PDB file of N, CA and C in Angstrom:
ATOM      1  N   MET A   1     174.727 185.311-130.514  1.00  0.00           N
ATOM      2  CA  MET A   1     175.117 183.387-130.031  1.00  0.00           C
ATOM      3  C   MET A   1     173.567 183.238-129.764  1.00  0.00           C
ATOM      4  N   VAL A   2     173.832 181.856-130.014  1.00  0.00           N
ATOM      5  CA  VAL A   2     172.727 180.422-129.957  1.00  0.00           C
ATOM      6  C   VAL A   2     172.960 179.847-128.851  1.00  0.00           C
ATOM      7  N   ILE A   3     172.689 179.702-127.810  1.00  0.00           N
ATOM      8  CA  ILE A   3     172.862 178.646-126.853  1.00  0.00           C
ATOM      9  C   ILE A   3     171.325 177.746-127.050  1.00  0.00           C
ATOM     10  N   GLY A   4     172.005 176.421-126.954  1.00  0.00           N
ATOM     11  CA  GLY A   4     170.247 175.391-127.282  1.00  0.00           C
ATOM     12  C   GLY A   4     171.123 173.860-126.530  1.00  0.00           C
ATOM     13  N   ILE A   5     170.190 173.216-125.770  1.00  0.00           N
ATOM     14  CA  ILE A   5     170.200 172.154-125.780  1.00  0.00           C
ATOM     15  C   ILE A   5     169.623 170.872-126.663  1.00  0.00           C
ATOM     16  N   ILE A   6     170.384 170.291-126.763  1.00  0.00           N
ATOM     17  CA  ILE A   6     169.885 168.797-127.552  1.00  0.00           C
ATOM     18  C   ILE A   6     170.011 167.967-126.960  1.00  0.00           C
ATOM     19  N   GLU A   7     168.979 167.409-126.721  1.00  0.00           N
ATOM     20  CA  GLU A   7     168.675 165.757-125.574  1.00  0.00           C
ATOM     21  C   GLU A   7     168.357 164.880-126.510  1.00  0.00           C
ATOM     22  N   ASP A   8     169.344 163.607-126.646  1.00  0.00           N
ATOM     23  CA  ASP A   8     168.614 162.847-127.273  1.00  0.00           C
ATOM     24  C   ASP A   8     167.855 161.376-126.525  1.00  0.00           C
ATOM     25  N   SER A   9     166.436 162.009-127.268  1.00  0.00           N
ATOM     26  CA  SER A   9     165.633 160.908-126.461  1.00  0.00           C
ATOM     27  C   SER A   9     165.690 159.561-126.856  1.00  0.00           C
ATOM     28  N   THR A  10     166.254 159.462-127.556  1.00  0.00           N
ATOM     29  CA  THR A  10     165.976 157.769-128.264  1.00  0.00           C
ATOM     30  C   THR A  10     166.573 156.804-127.513  1.00  0.00           C
ATOM     31  N   GLU A  11     167.100 156.637-126.588  1.00  0.00           N
ATOM     32  CA  GLU A  11     167.236 155.720-125.367  1.00  0.00           C
ATOM     33  C   GLU A  11     165.788 155.599-124.337  1.00  0.00           C
ATOM     34  N   GLU A  12     165.445 156.615-123.793  1.00  0.00           N
ATOM     35  CA  GLU A  12     164.226 156.760-123.472  1.00  0.00           C
ATOM     36  C   GLU A  12     163.035 156.228-124.195  1.00  0.00           C
ATOM     37  N   ARG A  13     163.174 156.520-125.434  1.00  0.00           N
ATOM     38  CA  ARG A  13     161.851 155.962-126.213  1.00  0.00           C
ATOM     39  C   ARG A  13     162.090 154.590-126.550  1.00  0.00           C
ATOM     40  N   LEU A  14     163.047 154.120-126.499  1.00  0.00           N
ATOM     41  CA  LEU A  14     163.715 153.054-126.622  1.00  0.00           C
ATOM     42  C   LEU A  14     162.851 151.947-125.336  1.00  0.00           C
ATOM     43  N   SER A  15     163.407 152.692-123.966  1.00  0.00           N
ATOM     44  CA  SER A  15     163.362 151.779-123.325  1.00  0.00           C
ATOM     45  C   SER A  15     161.552 151.847-122.883  1.00  0.00           C
ATOM     46  N   ALA A  16     160.819 153.235-123.255  1.00  0.00           N
ATOM     47  CA  ALA A  16     159.590 152.531-123.117  1.00  0.00           C
ATOM     48  C   ALA A  16     158.887 151.910-124.183  1.00  0.00           C
ATOM     49  N   GLU A  17     159.264 151.633-125.114  1.00  0.00           N
ATOM     50  CA  GLU A  17     159.033 150.515-126.279  1.00  0.00           C
ATOM     51  C   GLU A  17     159.275 149.377-125.911  1.00  0.00           C
ATOM     52  N   ARG A  18     160.112 149.190-125.191  1.00  0.00           N
ATOM     53  CA  ARG A  18     160.703 147.706-124.818  1.00  0.00           C
ATOM     54  C   ARG A  18     159.199 148.101-123.079  1.00  0.00           C
ATOM     55  N   LEU A  19     159.447 148.574-122.597  1.00  0.00           N
ATOM     56  CA  LEU A  19     158.520 148.247-121.050  1.00  0.00           C
ATOM     57  C   LEU A  19     157.059 147.729-121.604  1.00  0.00           C
ATOM     58  N   ALA A  20     156.434 148.550-122.755  1.00  0.00           N
ATOM     59  CA  ALA A  20     155.449 148.124-123.203  1.00  0.00           C
ATOM     60  C   ALA A  20     154.949 146.805-124.142  1.00  0.00           C
ATOM     61  N   ALA A  21     155.763 146.515-124.995  1.00  0.00           N
ATOM     62  CA  ALA A  21     156.002 145.386-125.439  1.00  0.00           C
ATOM     63  C   ALA A  21     156.116 144.142-124.058  1.00  0.00           C
ATOM     64  N   GLN A  22     156.971 144.480-123.057  1.00  0.00           N
ATOM     65  CA  GLN A  22     156.707 143.536-121.969  1.00  0.00           C
ATOM     66  C   GLN A  22     155.177 143.485-121.651  1.00  0.00           C
ATOM     67  N   GLU A  23     154.599 144.730-121.000  1.00  0.00           N
ATOM     68  CA  GLU A  23     153.811 144.906-120.614  1.00  0.00           C
ATOM     69  C   GLU A  23     152.254 144.106-121.200  1.00  0.00           C
ATOM     70  N   SER A  24     152.830 144.438-122.525  1.00  0.00           N
ATOM     71  CA  SER A  24     151.974 143.686-123.643  1.00  0.00           C
ATOM     72  C   SER A  24     151.734 142.062-123.366  1.00  0.00           C
ATOM     73  N   ALA A  25     152.997 141.553-123.753  1.00  0.00           N
ATOM     74  CA  ALA A  25     153.565 139.939-123.248  1.00  0.00           C
ATOM     75  C   ALA A  25     152.791 139.679-121.930  1.00  0.00           C
ATOM     76  N   HIS A  26     153.189 140.171-121.104  1.00  0.00           N
ATOM     77  CA  HIS A  26     152.591 139.982-119.571  1.00  0.00           C
ATOM     78  C   HIS A  26     151.271 139.682-120.134  1.00  0.00           C
ATOM     79  N   ARG A  27     150.352 140.625-120.262  1.00  0.00           N
ATOM     80  CA  ARG A  27     149.251 140.628-120.275  1.00  0.00           C
ATOM     81  C   ARG A  27     148.333 139.388-121.165  1.00  0.00           C
ATOM     82  N   GLN A  28     148.898 139.097-122.099  1.00  0.00           N
ATOM     83  CA  GLN A  28     148.956 138.258-123.189  1.00  0.00           C
ATOM     84  C   GLN A  28     148.784 136.949-122.424  1.00  0.00           C
ATOM     85  N   GLN A  29     150.137 136.605-121.384  1.00  0.00           N
ATOM     86  CA  GLN A  29     150.140 135.406-120.818  1.00  0.00           C
ATOM     87  C   GLN A  29     149.181 135.252-119.952  1.00  0.00           C
ATOM     88  N   LEU A  30     148.926 136.565-118.927  1.00  0.00           N
ATOM     89  CA  LEU A  30     147.969 136.396-117.684  1.00  0.00           C
ATOM     90  C   LEU A  30     146.377 135.991-118.554  1.00  0.00           C
ATOM     91  N   GLU A  31     146.306 136.756-119.582  1.00  0.00           N
ATOM     92  CA  GLU A  31     144.676 136.025-120.588  1.00  0.00           C
ATOM     93  C   GLU A  31     144.976 134.588-120.732  1.00  0.00           C
ATOM     94  N   GLU A  32     146.186 134.171-121.064  1.00  0.00           N
ATOM     95  CA  GLU A  32     145.616 132.890-121.643  1.00  0.00           C
ATOM     96  C   GLU A  32     145.672 131.845-120.287  1.00  0.00           C
ATOM     97  N   ARG A  33     146.222 132.458-119.260  1.00  0.00           N
ATOM     98  CA  ARG A  33     146.265 131.703-117.624  1.00  0.00           C
ATOM     99  C   ARG A  33     144.440 131.928-117.054  1.00  0.00           C
ATOM    100  N   ILE A  34     144.217 133.404-117.588  1.00  0.00           N
ATOM    101  CA  ILE A  34     143.016 132.717-116.841  1.00  0.00           C
ATOM    102  C   ILE A  34     142.269 132.121-117.810  1.00  0.00           C
ATOM    103  N   ALA A  35     142.160 131.948-119.044  1.00  0.00           N
ATOM    104  CA  ALA A  35     141.495 131.261-120.062  1.00  0.00           C
ATOM    105  C   ALA A  35     141.396 129.729-119.858  1.00  0.00           C
ATOM    106  N   GLU A  36     142.732 129.323-119.462  1.00  0.00           N
ATOM    107  CA  GLU A  36     142.976 127.754-119.218  1.00  0.00           C
ATOM    108  C   GLU A  36     142.313 127.654-117.945  1.00  0.00           C
ATOM    109  N   ARG A  37     142.669 128.256-116.810  1.00  0.00           N
ATOM    110  CA  ARG A  37     141.593 128.202-115.567  1.00  0.00           C
ATOM    111  C   ARG A  37     140.318 128.122-115.497  1.00  0.00           C
ATOM    112  N   THR A  38     139.744 128.851-116.304  1.00  0.00           N
ATOM    113  CA  THR A  38     138.662 128.779-116.650  1.00  0.00           C
ATOM    114  C   THR A  38     137.689 127.873-117.126  1.00  0.00           C
ATOM    115  N   GLU A  39     138.615 127.372-118.106  1.00  0.00           N
ATOM    116  CA  GLU A  39     138.028 126.272-118.618  1.00  0.00           C
ATOM    117  C   GLU A  39     138.188 125.162-117.950  1.00  0.00           C
ATOM    118  N   GLU A  40     139.280 124.597-116.764  1.00  0.00           N
ATOM    119  CA  GLU A  40     139.560 123.508-115.911  1.00  0.00           C
ATOM    120  C   GLU A  40     138.131 123.850-115.236  1.00  0.00           C
ATOM    121  N   LEU A  41     137.953 125.065-114.412  1.00  0.00           N
ATOM    122  CA  LEU A  41     137.048 125.281-113.900  1.00  0.00           C
ATOM    123  C   LEU A  41     135.799 125.351-114.400  1.00  0.00           C
ATOM    124  N   ASN A  42     135.223 125.309-115.724  1.00  0.00           N
ATOM    125  CA  ASN A  42     134.069 124.264-116.246  1.00  0.00           C
ATOM    126  C   ASN A  42     133.930 123.032-116.430  1.00  0.00           C
ATOM    127  N   LEU A  43     134.849 122.743-116.813  1.00  0.00           N
ATOM    128  CA  LEU A  43     135.243 121.197-116.641  1.00  0.00           C
ATOM    129  C   LEU A  43     135.026 120.570-115.554  1.00  0.00           C
ATOM    130  N   GLY A  44     135.665 121.080-114.441  1.00  0.00           N
ATOM    131  CA  GLY A  44     135.228 120.520-113.090  1.00  0.00           C
ATOM    132  C   GLY A  44     133.606 120.753-112.984  1.00  0.00           C
ATOM    133  N   ASN A  45     133.018 122.142-113.080  1.00  0.00           N
ATOM    134  CA  ASN A  45     131.862 122.332-112.841  1.00  0.00           C
ATOM    135  C   ASN A  45     131.180 121.110-113.487  1.00  0.00           C
ATOM    136  N   GLU A  46     131.038 120.678-114.604  1.00  0.00           N
ATOM    137  CA  GLU A  46     130.464 120.059-115.476  1.00  0.00           C
ATOM    138  C   GLU A  46     130.401 118.457-114.979  1.00  0.00           C
ATOM    139  N   ARG A  47     131.967 118.245-114.557  1.00  0.00           N
ATOM    140  CA  ARG A  47     131.769 116.831-113.578  1.00  0.00           C
ATOM    141  C   ARG A  47     131.391 117.061-112.594  1.00  0.00           C
ATOM    142  N   LEU A  48     131.024 117.701-111.718  1.00  0.00           N
ATOM    143  CA  LEU A  48     130.538 117.462-110.443  1.00  0.00           C
ATOM    144  C   LEU A  48     128.629 117.671-110.783  1.00  0.00           C
ATOM    145  N   ARG A  49     128.370 118.421-112.315  1.00  0.00           N
ATOM    146  CA  ARG A  49     127.025 118.240-112.086  1.00  0.00           C
ATOM    147  C   ARG A  49     126.607 116.862-112.391  1.00  0.00           C
ATOM    148  N   GLU A  50     127.773 116.372-113.281  1.00  0.00           N
ATOM    149  CA  GLU A  50     126.986 114.756-113.782  1.00  0.00           C
ATOM    150  C   GLU A  50     127.388 113.933-112.385  1.00  0.00           C
ATOM    151  N   LYS A  51     127.823 113.742-111.673  1.00  0.00           N
ATOM    152  CA  LYS A  51     128.097 113.134-110.386  1.00  0.00           C
ATOM    153  C   LYS A  51     126.733 113.386-109.784  1.00  0.00           C
ATOM    154  N   ALA A  52     126.492 114.470-109.492  1.00  0.00           N
ATOM    155  CA  ALA A  52     125.264 114.814-108.918  1.00  0.00           C
ATOM    156  C   ALA A  52     124.103 114.050-109.232  1.00  0.00           C
ATOM    157  N   THR A  53     123.892 114.213-111.121  1.00  0.00           N
ATOM    158  CA  THR A  53     122.628 113.292-111.486  1.00  0.00           C
ATOM    159  C   THR A  53     122.956 112.047-111.271  1.00  0.00           C
ATOM    160  N   GLN A  54     123.778 111.593-111.288  1.00  0.00           N
ATOM    161  CA  GLN A  54     124.356 110.115-111.394  1.00  0.00           C
ATOM    162  C   GLN A  54     123.810 109.710-109.991  1.00  0.00           C
ATOM    163  N   ASP A  55     124.439 110.122-108.834  1.00  0.00           N
ATOM    164  CA  ASP A  55     124.229 109.920-107.631  1.00  0.00           C
ATOM    165  C   ASP A  55     122.555 110.234-106.892  1.00  0.00           C
ATOM    166  N   ASN A  56     121.985 110.838-108.377  1.00  0.00           N
ATOM    167  CA  ASN A  56     120.357 111.271-107.568  1.00  0.00           C
ATOM    168  C   ASN A  56     120.546 112.117-106.408  1.00  0.00           C
ATOM    169  N   VAL A  57     121.334 112.932-106.672  1.00  0.00           N
ATOM    170  CA  VAL A  57     121.156 114.136-105.355  1.00  0.00           C
ATOM    171  C   VAL A  57     120.400 114.952-105.463  1.00  0.00           C
ATOM    172  N   THR A  58     119.387 115.438-104.358  1.00  0.00           N
ATOM    173  CA  THR A  58     118.421 116.154-104.400  1.00  0.00           C
ATOM    174  C   THR A  58     118.413 117.069-103.083  1.00  0.00           C
ATOM    175  N   LEU A  59     118.419 118.392-103.122  1.00  0.00           N
ATOM    176  CA  LEU A  59     118.872 119.380-102.713  1.00  0.00           C
ATOM    177  C   LEU A  59     117.452 120.034-102.073  1.00  0.00           C
ATOM    178  N   GLU A  60     117.570 120.411-100.691  1.00  0.00           N
ATOM    179  CA  GLU A  60     116.484 121.106-100.479  1.00  0.00           C
ATOM    180  C   GLU A  60     117.160 121.821 -99.568  1.00  0.00           C
ATOM    181  N   PHE A  61     116.276 123.474 -99.668  1.00  0.00           N
ATOM    182  CA  PHE A  61     117.357 124.480 -98.886  1.00  0.00           C
ATOM    183  C   PHE A  61     115.668 125.246 -98.513  1.00  0.00           C
ATOM    184  N   VAL A  62     115.615 125.690 -97.124  1.00  0.00           N
ATOM    185  CA  VAL A  62     114.855 126.459 -96.645  1.00  0.00           C
ATOM    186  C   VAL A  62     115.838 128.106 -96.289  1.00  0.00           C
ATOM    187  N   GLY A  63     115.308 128.931 -96.819  1.00  0.00           N
ATOM    188  CA  GLY A  63     116.050 129.947 -96.170  1.00  0.00           C
ATOM    189  C   GLY A  63     115.567 130.764 -95.207  1.00  0.00           C
ATOM    190  N   GLU A  64     116.377 131.827 -94.580  1.00  0.00           N
ATOM    191  CA  GLU A  64     115.686 132.472 -93.425  1.00  0.00           C
ATOM    192  C   GLU A  64     114.532 133.147 -93.623  1.00  0.00           C
ATOM    193  N   THR A  65     113.629 133.119 -92.847  1.00  0.00           N
ATOM    194  CA  THR A  65     112.705 133.718 -93.300  1.00  0.00           C
ATOM    195  C   THR A  65     112.585 135.544 -92.689  1.00  0.00           C
ATOM    196  N   GLU A  66     111.639 136.050 -93.288  1.00  0.00           N
ATOM    197  CA  GLU A  66     111.388 137.599 -92.568  1.00  0.00           C
ATOM    198  C   GLU A  66     111.414 137.835 -91.209  1.00  0.00           C
ATOM    199  N   ASN A  67     111.254 137.014 -90.635  1.00  0.00           N
ATOM    200  CA  ASN A  67     111.120 137.127 -89.352  1.00  0.00           C
ATOM    201  C   ASN A  67     112.083 136.488 -88.594  1.00  0.00           C
ATOM    202  N   GLY A  68     113.167 135.988 -89.078  1.00  0.00           N
ATOM    203  CA  GLY A  68     114.498 135.854 -88.726  1.00  0.00           C
ATOM    204  C   GLY A  68     114.474 134.761 -88.265  1.00  0.00           C
ATOM    205  N   GLU A  69     113.517 133.754 -88.595  1.00  0.00           N
ATOM    206  CA  GLU A  69     113.682 132.220 -88.235  1.00  0.00           C
ATOM    207  C   GLU A  69     115.008 131.907 -89.261  1.00  0.00           C
ATOM    208  N   ARG A  70     115.420 130.346 -88.580  1.00  0.00           N
ATOM    209  CA  ARG A  70     116.770 130.217 -89.196  1.00  0.00           C
ATOM    210  C   ARG A  70     116.615 129.312 -90.116  1.00  0.00           C
ATOM    211  N   ALA A  71     117.380 129.078 -91.152  1.00  0.00           N
ATOM    212  CA  ALA A  71     117.342 128.220 -92.154  1.00  0.00           C
ATOM    213  C   ALA A  71     117.895 126.925 -91.837  1.00  0.00           C
ATOM    214  N   VAL A  72     116.961 126.536 -92.992  1.00  0.00           N
ATOM    215  CA  VAL A  72     117.528 124.704 -92.626  1.00  0.00           C
ATOM    216  C   VAL A  72     118.114 124.173 -94.330  1.00  0.00           C
ATOM    217  N   ALA A  73     119.167 123.722 -94.034  1.00  0.00           N
ATOM    218  CA  ALA A  73     119.540 123.266 -95.701  1.00  0.00           C
ATOM    219  C   ALA A  73     119.662 121.724 -95.215  1.00  0.00           C
ATOM    220  N   ARG A  74     119.134 120.514 -96.560  1.00  0.00           N
ATOM    221  CA  ARG A  74     119.518 119.046 -95.888  1.00  0.00           C
ATOM    222  C   ARG A  74     119.521 118.791 -97.519  1.00  0.00           C
ATOM    223  N   ALA A  75     120.247 117.551 -97.538  1.00  0.00           N
ATOM    224  CA  ALA A  75     120.943 116.986 -98.900  1.00  0.00           C
ATOM    225  C   ALA A  75     120.423 115.366 -99.001  1.00  0.00           C
ATOM    226  N   ASN A  76     119.447 115.348-100.037  1.00  0.00           N
ATOM    227  CA  ASN A  76     119.207 113.729 -99.560  1.00  0.00           C
ATOM    228  C   ASN A  76     119.902 113.224-100.955  1.00  0.00           C
ATOM    229  N   ILE A  77     120.661 111.765-100.627  1.00  0.00           N
ATOM    230  CA  ILE A  77     121.225 111.069-101.422  1.00  0.00           C
ATOM    231  C   ILE A  77     120.026 109.664-101.996  1.00  0.00           C
ATOM    232  N   LEU A  78     119.815 109.674-103.092  1.00  0.00           N
ATOM    233  CA  LEU A  78     118.803 108.626-103.020  1.00  0.00           C
ATOM    234  C   LEU A  78     119.614 107.438-103.840  1.00  0.00           C
ATOM    235  N   LYS A  79     119.887 106.431-102.898  1.00  0.00           N
ATOM    236  CA  LYS A  79     120.570 105.350-103.667  1.00  0.00           C
ATOM    237  C   LYS A  79     119.767 104.492-104.171  1.00  0.00           C
ATOM    238  N   PRO A  80     119.665 103.738-105.305  1.00  0.00           N
ATOM    239  CA  PRO A  80     118.994 102.851-105.681  1.00  0.00           C
ATOM    240  C   PRO A  80     118.705 101.756-104.855  1.00  0.00           C
ATOM    241  N   ALA A  81     117.621 101.061-104.276  1.00  0.00           N
ATOM    242  CA  ALA A  81     117.393 100.251-103.333  1.00  0.00           C
ATOM    243  C   ALA A  81     118.277  98.636-104.024  1.00  0.00           C
ATOM    244  N   SER A  82     118.894  98.098-103.085  1.00  0.00           N
ATOM    245  CA  SER A  82     119.409  96.953-103.332  1.00  0.00           C
ATOM    246  C   SER A  82     118.490  95.552-103.189  1.00  0.00           C
ATOM    247  N   SER A  83     119.030  94.764-104.381  1.00  0.00           N
ATOM    248  CA  SER A  83     117.971  94.016-104.551  1.00  0.00           C
ATOM    249  C   SER A  83     118.499  92.117-104.093  1.00  0.00           C
TER     250      SER A  83
END
């Protein structure tokens, strides 16, 4: 007499494949969103750089010294003189 258990793993395998496909699709969507957002941020940064150049903005920063003296930061906006 032989007793055996036969288990059909088809449903489990199909579920695992569906889950893997969903994870892959979700990961792809996230990567696309990251790329889009990165591009938006890069464009925004470029616009800020251009604006700073156009406005002739100069920045001066003096950091904290080894003696613990305070840091001083100053921005000077140089506007063309009115004629």
